[in-house]
């Protein structure tokens, strides 16, 4: 009986040793693969599907003006549709992705601003025909993904601003404000090639269409949209939270 107990104890001890060895190697591996410098965050295997939105959630879908301003302010990029001047598709609609802001993180204006180069598809199109449509979607905030809404689901609000694009005069207060806002939200812009004749463009909005819940498209009066006192601080809070986390990493 004693002999059997000794054999059993021996087997349990060996099993525990293997477990301890496996745990030690796992900890060492994770330590090697987890960046700890301030320029990187610690990723986990589930980060891609568990990333949180910038905010607690959008306003009630019945508040059309608030929703329109919220969606634009919380999006980092937009799809711009213009009329192409490319020889093979001249006159066709042509869509491109551009980084966007509607003001600083703490000061939303509702006006979309862009940093453009004459070398870009969109800028070349707009130099011939300034009419365009800018589209942004609530999907960009990860809210729709977290709610398990398809990007085409009407509950995943998409905003379409149509109007004419124009250059913002360099050196004006509006230019300085827009450039600071663009570089604040998109710091990589500071390192864009300096020989690309960059300029700032904005849209003079003529129509605001929005798919926001079931029941078809809604149209937001431009005057009400621009006059709305947007006080959301989602992007500012998100930026500050990320900056704090990086400093603590």
C-alpha atoms as a PDB file:
ATOM      1  CA  UNK A   1       0.000   0.000   0.000  1.00  0.00           C
ATOM      2  CA  UNK A   2       2.826   2.404   0.962  1.00  0.00           C
ATOM      3  CA  UNK A   3       4.621   1.557  -2.296  1.00  0.00           C
ATOM      4  CA  UNK A   4       1.532   2.479  -4.329  1.00  0.00           C
ATOM      5  CA  UNK A   5       1.161   5.796  -2.476  1.00  0.00           C
ATOM      6  CA  UNK A   6       4.814   6.638  -3.149  1.00  0.00           C
ATOM      7  CA  UNK A   7       4.361   5.911  -6.874  1.00  0.00           C
ATOM      8  CA  UNK A   8       1.216   8.045  -6.979  1.00  0.00           C
ATOM      9  CA  UNK A   9       2.962  10.923  -5.168  1.00  0.00           C
ATOM     10  CA  UNK A  10       5.863  10.681  -7.591  1.00  0.00           C
ATOM     11  CA  UNK A  11       3.553  10.879 -10.616  1.00  0.00           C
ATOM     12  CA  UNK A  12       1.668  13.875  -9.159  1.00  0.00           C
ATOM     13  CA  UNK A  13       4.948  15.671  -8.432  1.00  0.00           C
ATOM     14  CA  UNK A  14       6.210  15.112 -11.986  1.00  0.00           C
ATOM     15  CA  UNK A  15       2.873  16.331 -13.394  1.00  0.00           C
ATOM     16  CA  UNK A  16       3.053  19.475 -11.276  1.00  0.00           C
ATOM     17  CA  UNK A  17       6.612  20.090 -12.412  1.00  0.00           C
ATOM     18  CA  UNK A  18       5.513  19.936 -16.047  1.00  0.00           C
ATOM     19  CA  UNK A  19       2.668  22.367 -15.306  1.00  0.00           C
ATOM     20  CA  UNK A  20       5.056  24.806 -13.625  1.00  0.00           C
ATOM     21  CA  UNK A  21       7.460  24.549 -16.544  1.00  0.00           C
ATOM     22  CA  UNK A  22       4.653  25.243 -19.047  1.00  0.00           C
ATOM     23  CA  UNK A  23       3.436  28.262 -17.078  1.00  0.00           C
ATOM     24  CA  UNK A  24       6.972  29.660 -16.783  1.00  0.00           C
ATOM     25  CA  UNK A  25       7.609  29.326 -20.511  1.00  0.00           C
ATOM     26  CA  UNK A  26       4.244  30.942 -21.282  1.00  0.00           C
ATOM     27  CA  UNK A  27       5.006  33.931 -19.053  1.00  0.00           C
ATOM     28  CA  UNK A  28       8.424  34.320 -20.669  1.00  0.00           C
ATOM     29  CA  UNK A  29       6.868  34.214 -24.160  1.00  0.00           C
ATOM     30  CA  UNK A  30       4.218  36.795 -23.309  1.00  0.00           C
ATOM     31  CA  UNK A  31       6.867  39.036 -21.776  1.00  0.00           C
ATOM     32  CA  UNK A  32       8.953  38.880 -24.946  1.00  0.00           C
ATOM     33  CA  UNK A  33       5.966  39.580 -27.206  1.00  0.00           C
ATOM     34  CA  UNK A  34       4.416  42.421 -25.178  1.00  0.00           C
ATOM     35  CA  UNK A  35       5.865  45.828 -26.121  1.00  0.00           C
ATOM     36  CA  UNK A  36       6.463  47.951 -23.042  1.00  0.00           C
ATOM     37  CA  UNK A  37       7.772  51.147 -24.494  1.00  0.00           C
ATOM     38  CA  UNK A  38       5.653  54.283 -24.651  1.00  0.00           C
ATOM     39  CA  UNK A  39       5.108  54.085 -28.392  1.00  0.00           C
ATOM     40  CA  UNK A  40       3.240  50.795 -28.255  1.00  0.00           C
ATOM     41  CA  UNK A  41       0.235  49.455 -26.407  1.00  0.00           C
ATOM     42  CA  UNK A  42      -0.124  45.939 -25.116  1.00  0.00           C
ATOM     43  CA  UNK A  43      -2.186  43.851 -27.533  1.00  0.00           C
ATOM     44  CA  UNK A  44      -4.114  40.727 -26.652  1.00  0.00           C
ATOM     45  CA  UNK A  45      -5.375  38.107 -29.108  1.00  0.00           C
ATOM     46  CA  UNK A  46      -8.934  39.400 -28.748  1.00  0.00           C
ATOM     47  CA  UNK A  47      -8.180  43.089 -29.304  1.00  0.00           C
ATOM     48  CA  UNK A  48      -9.461  43.064 -32.881  1.00  0.00           C
ATOM     49  CA  UNK A  49     -12.952  42.025 -31.828  1.00  0.00           C
ATOM     50  CA  UNK A  50     -13.145  43.751 -28.441  1.00  0.00           C
ATOM     51  CA  UNK A  51     -11.917  47.266 -29.236  1.00  0.00           C
ATOM     52  CA  UNK A  52     -14.254  49.747 -27.586  1.00  0.00           C
ATOM     53  CA  UNK A  53     -15.821  52.774 -29.272  1.00  0.00           C
ATOM     54  CA  UNK A  54     -14.660  56.328 -28.597  1.00  0.00           C
ATOM     55  CA  UNK A  55     -17.684  57.042 -26.438  1.00  0.00           C
ATOM     56  CA  UNK A  56     -20.658  55.700 -24.545  1.00  0.00           C
ATOM     57  CA  UNK A  57     -22.921  55.879 -27.569  1.00  0.00           C
ATOM     58  CA  UNK A  58     -24.618  58.216 -30.061  1.00  0.00           C
ATOM     59  CA  UNK A  59     -27.638  60.414 -29.277  1.00  0.00           C
ATOM     60  CA  UNK A  60     -31.187  59.156 -29.692  1.00  0.00           C
ATOM     61  CA  UNK A  61     -31.920  58.464 -33.351  1.00  0.00           C
ATOM     62  CA  UNK A  62     -34.888  60.855 -33.264  1.00  0.00           C
ATOM     63  CA  UNK A  63     -32.549  63.783 -32.626  1.00  0.00           C
ATOM     64  CA  UNK A  64     -31.570  64.238 -36.252  1.00  0.00           C
ATOM     65  CA  UNK A  65     -29.448  67.375 -35.977  1.00  0.00           C
ATOM     66  CA  UNK A  66     -27.577  66.089 -32.935  1.00  0.00           C
ATOM     67  CA  UNK A  67     -26.974  62.743 -34.641  1.00  0.00           C
ATOM     68  CA  UNK A  68     -25.681  64.393 -37.829  1.00  0.00           C
ATOM     69  CA  UNK A  69     -23.188  66.537 -35.930  1.00  0.00           C
ATOM     70  CA  UNK A  70     -22.180  63.610 -33.719  1.00  0.00           C
ATOM     71  CA  UNK A  71     -21.395  61.278 -36.620  1.00  0.00           C
ATOM     72  CA  UNK A  72     -19.218  63.774 -38.488  1.00  0.00           C
ATOM     73  CA  UNK A  73     -17.333  64.871 -35.379  1.00  0.00           C
ATOM     74  CA  UNK A  74     -16.539  61.302 -34.344  1.00  0.00           C
ATOM     75  CA  UNK A  75     -15.259  60.099 -37.722  1.00  0.00           C
ATOM     76  CA  UNK A  76     -11.594  60.269 -38.715  1.00  0.00           C
ATOM     77  CA  UNK A  77     -12.062  59.729 -42.442  1.00  0.00           C
ATOM     78  CA  UNK A  78     -14.662  60.286 -45.122  1.00  0.00           C
ATOM     79  CA  UNK A  79     -15.439  59.015 -48.577  1.00  0.00           C
ATOM     80  CA  UNK A  80     -15.573  61.873 -51.089  1.00  0.00           C
ATOM     81  CA  UNK A  81     -17.429  61.426 -54.360  1.00  0.00           C
ATOM     82  CA  UNK A  82     -16.424  63.821 -57.121  1.00  0.00           C
ATOM     83  CA  UNK A  83     -16.784  64.048 -60.904  1.00  0.00           C
ATOM     84  CA  UNK A  84     -13.710  62.466 -62.443  1.00  0.00           C
ATOM     85  CA  UNK A  85     -11.385  64.166 -64.903  1.00  0.00           C
ATOM     86  CA  UNK A  86      -9.440  60.967 -65.607  1.00  0.00           C
ATOM     87  CA  UNK A  87      -9.526  60.480 -69.410  1.00  0.00           C
ATOM     88  CA  UNK A  88     -10.849  56.918 -69.298  1.00  0.00           C
ATOM     89  CA  UNK A  89     -13.759  57.792 -66.990  1.00  0.00           C
ATOM     90  CA  UNK A  90     -14.210  61.510 -67.523  1.00  0.00           C
ATOM     91  CA  UNK A  91     -17.584  62.600 -66.182  1.00  0.00           C
ATOM     92  CA  UNK A  92     -18.040  59.463 -64.065  1.00  0.00           C
ATOM     93  CA  UNK A  93     -18.506  59.645 -60.295  1.00  0.00           C
ATOM     94  CA  UNK A  94     -15.244  58.801 -58.543  1.00  0.00           C
ATOM     95  CA  UNK A  95     -14.881  58.063 -54.835  1.00  0.00           C
ATOM     96  CA  UNK A  96     -11.805  58.532 -52.671  1.00  0.00           C
ATOM     97  CA  UNK A  97     -10.964  58.332 -48.970  1.00  0.00           C
ATOM     98  CA  UNK A  98      -9.717  61.451 -47.191  1.00  0.00           C
ATOM     99  CA  UNK A  99      -8.923  62.218 -43.570  1.00  0.00           C
ATOM    100  CA  UNK A 100     -11.433  64.676 -42.139  1.00  0.00           C
ATOM    101  CA  UNK A 101     -12.143  66.899 -39.161  1.00  0.00           C
ATOM    102  CA  UNK A 102     -15.018  69.255 -38.428  1.00  0.00           C
ATOM    103  CA  UNK A 103     -12.924  71.331 -36.066  1.00  0.00           C
ATOM    104  CA  UNK A 104     -10.752  70.608 -33.091  1.00  0.00           C
ATOM    105  CA  UNK A 105     -11.536  67.765 -30.709  1.00  0.00           C
ATOM    106  CA  UNK A 106     -13.007  70.279 -28.286  1.00  0.00           C
ATOM    107  CA  UNK A 107     -14.626  72.624 -30.832  1.00  0.00           C
ATOM    108  CA  UNK A 108     -16.911  71.104 -33.465  1.00  0.00           C
ATOM    109  CA  UNK A 109     -18.138  73.333 -36.290  1.00  0.00           C
ATOM    110  CA  UNK A 110     -20.044  70.817 -38.432  1.00  0.00           C
ATOM    111  CA  UNK A 111     -18.012  71.879 -41.475  1.00  0.00           C
ATOM    112  CA  UNK A 112     -15.798  69.141 -42.972  1.00  0.00           C
ATOM    113  CA  UNK A 113     -12.188  70.213 -43.495  1.00  0.00           C
ATOM    114  CA  UNK A 114      -9.591  68.332 -45.547  1.00  0.00           C
ATOM    115  CA  UNK A 115      -5.832  68.537 -46.164  1.00  0.00           C
ATOM    116  CA  UNK A 116      -5.314  68.090 -49.899  1.00  0.00           C
ATOM    117  CA  UNK A 117      -2.616  68.106 -52.540  1.00  0.00           C
ATOM    118  CA  UNK A 118      -3.174  69.067 -56.211  1.00  0.00           C
ATOM    119  CA  UNK A 119      -1.576  65.708 -57.052  1.00  0.00           C
ATOM    120  CA  UNK A 120      -4.507  63.806 -55.545  1.00  0.00           C
ATOM    121  CA  UNK A 121      -7.414  62.384 -57.573  1.00  0.00           C
ATOM    122  CA  UNK A 122     -10.002  64.359 -55.601  1.00  0.00           C
ATOM    123  CA  UNK A 123      -8.213  67.697 -55.771  1.00  0.00           C
ATOM    124  CA  UNK A 124      -7.794  67.366 -59.537  1.00  0.00           C
ATOM    125  CA  UNK A 125     -11.480  66.577 -59.930  1.00  0.00           C
ATOM    126  CA  UNK A 126     -12.545  69.478 -57.725  1.00  0.00           C
ATOM    127  CA  UNK A 127     -10.353  71.930 -59.639  1.00  0.00           C
ATOM    128  CA  UNK A 128     -12.635  71.351 -62.644  1.00  0.00           C
ATOM    129  CA  UNK A 129     -15.936  70.760 -60.850  1.00  0.00           C
ATOM    130  CA  UNK A 130     -16.214  71.717 -57.181  1.00  0.00           C
ATOM    131  CA  UNK A 131     -19.402  69.713 -56.549  1.00  0.00           C
ATOM    132  CA  UNK A 132     -18.953  66.726 -54.249  1.00  0.00           C
ATOM    133  CA  UNK A 133     -20.614  64.490 -51.684  1.00  0.00           C
ATOM    134  CA  UNK A 134     -18.940  63.537 -48.423  1.00  0.00           C
ATOM    135  CA  UNK A 135     -20.030  60.357 -46.652  1.00  0.00           C
ATOM    136  CA  UNK A 136     -19.253  59.323 -43.068  1.00  0.00           C
ATOM    137  CA  UNK A 137     -20.672  56.389 -41.136  1.00  0.00           C
ATOM    138  CA  UNK A 138     -21.289  55.555 -37.498  1.00  0.00           C
ATOM    139  CA  UNK A 139     -19.521  52.281 -38.283  1.00  0.00           C
ATOM    140  CA  UNK A 140     -16.228  54.148 -37.935  1.00  0.00           C
ATOM    141  CA  UNK A 141     -16.779  54.553 -34.189  1.00  0.00           C
ATOM    142  CA  UNK A 142     -17.163  50.754 -33.716  1.00  0.00           C
ATOM    143  CA  UNK A 143     -20.622  51.385 -32.240  1.00  0.00           C
ATOM    144  CA  UNK A 144     -22.339  49.412 -35.008  1.00  0.00           C
ATOM    145  CA  UNK A 145     -19.906  46.527 -34.707  1.00  0.00           C
ATOM    146  CA  UNK A 146     -20.456  46.367 -30.959  1.00  0.00           C
ATOM    147  CA  UNK A 147     -24.226  46.361 -31.517  1.00  0.00           C
ATOM    148  CA  UNK A 148     -23.797  43.669 -34.190  1.00  0.00           C
ATOM    149  CA  UNK A 149     -25.275  45.993 -36.835  1.00  0.00           C
ATOM    150  CA  UNK A 150     -24.185  45.482 -40.429  1.00  0.00           C
ATOM    151  CA  UNK A 151     -22.704  48.711 -41.884  1.00  0.00           C
ATOM    152  CA  UNK A 152     -25.722  48.844 -44.210  1.00  0.00           C
ATOM    153  CA  UNK A 153     -28.212  48.437 -41.357  1.00  0.00           C
ATOM    154  CA  UNK A 154     -30.327  51.624 -41.149  1.00  0.00           C
ATOM    155  CA  UNK A 155     -29.551  51.801 -37.422  1.00  0.00           C
ATOM    156  CA  UNK A 156     -25.897  52.275 -38.338  1.00  0.00           C
ATOM    157  CA  UNK A 157     -26.277  55.947 -39.213  1.00  0.00           C
ATOM    158  CA  UNK A 158     -24.631  57.254 -42.346  1.00  0.00           C
ATOM    159  CA  UNK A 159     -24.423  60.920 -43.164  1.00  0.00           C
ATOM    160  CA  UNK A 160     -24.121  62.368 -46.671  1.00  0.00           C
ATOM    161  CA  UNK A 161     -23.140  66.004 -47.061  1.00  0.00           C
ATOM    162  CA  UNK A 162     -23.407  67.430 -50.571  1.00  0.00           C
ATOM    163  CA  UNK A 163     -22.173  70.810 -51.716  1.00  0.00           C
ATOM    164  CA  UNK A 164     -19.268  72.675 -53.244  1.00  0.00           C
ATOM    165  CA  UNK A 165     -15.675  72.373 -52.090  1.00  0.00           C
ATOM    166  CA  UNK A 166     -13.493  75.441 -51.816  1.00  0.00           C
ATOM    167  CA  UNK A 167     -10.001  76.298 -50.649  1.00  0.00           C
ATOM    168  CA  UNK A 168      -9.609  78.025 -47.305  1.00  0.00           C
ATOM    169  CA  UNK A 169      -7.493  81.136 -47.753  1.00  0.00           C
ATOM    170  CA  UNK A 170      -4.041  80.565 -46.299  1.00  0.00           C
ATOM    171  CA  UNK A 171      -3.127  82.609 -43.256  1.00  0.00           C
ATOM    172  CA  UNK A 172      -6.700  83.448 -42.250  1.00  0.00           C
ATOM    173  CA  UNK A 173      -7.991  82.614 -38.743  1.00  0.00           C
ATOM    174  CA  UNK A 174     -10.139  79.860 -40.264  1.00  0.00           C
ATOM    175  CA  UNK A 175      -7.116  78.390 -42.061  1.00  0.00           C
ATOM    176  CA  UNK A 176      -5.033  78.381 -38.885  1.00  0.00           C
ATOM    177  CA  UNK A 177      -7.893  76.838 -36.914  1.00  0.00           C
ATOM    178  CA  UNK A 178      -8.561  74.125 -39.528  1.00  0.00           C
ATOM    179  CA  UNK A 179      -4.880  73.248 -39.956  1.00  0.00           C
ATOM    180  CA  UNK A 180      -4.374  72.944 -36.205  1.00  0.00           C
ATOM    181  CA  UNK A 181      -7.479  70.757 -35.988  1.00  0.00           C
ATOM    182  CA  UNK A 182      -6.323  68.498 -38.825  1.00  0.00           C
ATOM    183  CA  UNK A 183      -2.836  68.078 -37.367  1.00  0.00           C
ATOM    184  CA  UNK A 184      -4.306  67.463 -33.902  1.00  0.00           C
ATOM    185  CA  UNK A 185      -6.508  64.598 -35.107  1.00  0.00           C
ATOM    186  CA  UNK A 186      -4.081  63.368 -37.781  1.00  0.00           C
ATOM    187  CA  UNK A 187      -0.546  64.055 -36.485  1.00  0.00           C
ATOM    188  CA  UNK A 188       1.032  62.120 -39.382  1.00  0.00           C
ATOM    189  CA  UNK A 189       0.113  65.065 -41.614  1.00  0.00           C
ATOM    190  CA  UNK A 190       3.025  66.995 -40.143  1.00  0.00           C
ATOM    191  CA  UNK A 191       5.334  64.566 -41.935  1.00  0.00           C
ATOM    192  CA  UNK A 192       3.613  64.596 -45.322  1.00  0.00           C
ATOM    193  CA  UNK A 193       5.991  65.429 -48.245  1.00  0.00           C
ATOM    194  CA  UNK A 194       6.521  69.197 -48.141  1.00  0.00           C
ATOM    195  CA  UNK A 195       6.762  69.536 -51.934  1.00  0.00           C
ATOM    196  CA  UNK A 196       3.125  68.505 -52.596  1.00  0.00           C
ATOM    197  CA  UNK A 197       1.647  72.032 -52.351  1.00  0.00           C
ATOM    198  CA  UNK A 198      -0.771  71.094 -49.569  1.00  0.00           C
ATOM    199  CA  UNK A 199      -3.856  73.230 -49.020  1.00  0.00           C
ATOM    200  CA  UNK A 200      -6.964  73.092 -46.843  1.00  0.00           C
ATOM    201  CA  UNK A 201     -10.378  72.595 -48.388  1.00  0.00           C
ATOM    202  CA  UNK A 202     -13.821  72.773 -46.848  1.00  0.00           C
ATOM    203  CA  UNK A 203     -17.335  72.057 -48.032  1.00  0.00           C
ATOM    204  CA  UNK A 204     -20.036  74.695 -48.376  1.00  0.00           C
ATOM    205  CA  UNK A 205     -22.942  72.383 -47.600  1.00  0.00           C
ATOM    206  CA  UNK A 206     -26.021  72.501 -49.829  1.00  0.00           C
ATOM    207  CA  UNK A 207     -27.860  69.377 -48.654  1.00  0.00           C
ATOM    208  CA  UNK A 208     -27.656  67.000 -45.704  1.00  0.00           C
ATOM    209  CA  UNK A 209     -29.110  63.518 -46.163  1.00  0.00           C
ATOM    210  CA  UNK A 210     -28.984  60.871 -43.488  1.00  0.00           C
ATOM    211  CA  UNK A 211     -30.020  57.244 -43.126  1.00  0.00           C
ATOM    212  CA  UNK A 212     -30.792  57.089 -39.441  1.00  0.00           C
ATOM    213  CA  UNK A 213     -33.079  54.247 -38.342  1.00  0.00           C
ATOM    214  CA  UNK A 214     -35.836  52.622 -40.339  1.00  0.00           C
ATOM    215  CA  UNK A 215     -38.218  54.546 -42.562  1.00  0.00           C
ATOM    216  CA  UNK A 216     -36.035  55.874 -45.336  1.00  0.00           C
ATOM    217  CA  UNK A 217     -33.680  58.805 -45.682  1.00  0.00           C
ATOM    218  CA  UNK A 218     -34.052  61.938 -43.600  1.00  0.00           C
ATOM    219  CA  UNK A 219     -33.006  65.435 -44.570  1.00  0.00           C
ATOM    220  CA  UNK A 220     -31.522  67.859 -42.066  1.00  0.00           C
ATOM    221  CA  UNK A 221     -31.872  71.607 -42.687  1.00  0.00           C
ATOM    222  CA  UNK A 222     -28.386  73.038 -43.224  1.00  0.00           C
ATOM    223  CA  UNK A 223     -29.191  76.138 -41.160  1.00  0.00           C
ATOM    224  CA  UNK A 224     -30.257  74.044 -38.143  1.00  0.00           C
ATOM    225  CA  UNK A 225     -27.256  71.759 -38.549  1.00  0.00           C
ATOM    226  CA  UNK A 226     -24.710  74.594 -38.519  1.00  0.00           C
ATOM    227  CA  UNK A 227     -26.484  76.470 -35.709  1.00  0.00           C
ATOM    228  CA  UNK A 228     -26.593  73.447 -33.417  1.00  0.00           C
ATOM    229  CA  UNK A 229     -24.460  73.913 -30.289  1.00  0.00           C
ATOM    230  CA  UNK A 230     -22.545  70.647 -30.274  1.00  0.00           C
ATOM    231  CA  UNK A 231     -20.939  70.129 -26.884  1.00  0.00           C
ATOM    232  CA  UNK A 232     -19.826  66.489 -27.147  1.00  0.00           C
ATOM    233  CA  UNK A 233     -16.329  65.766 -25.885  1.00  0.00           C
ATOM    234  CA  UNK A 234     -16.072  62.136 -27.028  1.00  0.00           C
ATOM    235  CA  UNK A 235     -13.035  62.632 -29.236  1.00  0.00           C
ATOM    236  CA  UNK A 236     -11.252  64.834 -26.710  1.00  0.00           C
ATOM    237  CA  UNK A 237     -11.899  62.312 -23.921  1.00  0.00           C
ATOM    238  CA  UNK A 238     -10.797  59.450 -26.167  1.00  0.00           C
ATOM    239  CA  UNK A 239      -7.567  61.257 -27.094  1.00  0.00           C
ATOM    240  CA  UNK A 240      -6.784  62.143 -23.480  1.00  0.00           C
ATOM    241  CA  UNK A 241      -7.525  58.611 -22.311  1.00  0.00           C
ATOM    242  CA  UNK A 242      -5.227  57.109 -24.942  1.00  0.00           C
ATOM    243  CA  UNK A 243      -2.474  59.624 -24.170  1.00  0.00           C
ATOM    244  CA  UNK A 244      -2.703  58.804 -20.463  1.00  0.00           C
ATOM    245  CA  UNK A 245      -2.598  55.062 -21.117  1.00  0.00           C
ATOM    246  CA  UNK A 246       0.491  55.386 -23.333  1.00  0.00           C
ATOM    247  CA  UNK A 247       2.280  57.440 -20.710  1.00  0.00           C
ATOM    248  CA  UNK A 248       1.524  54.826 -18.114  1.00  0.00           C
ATOM    249  CA  UNK A 249       2.625  51.880 -20.308  1.00  0.00           C
END
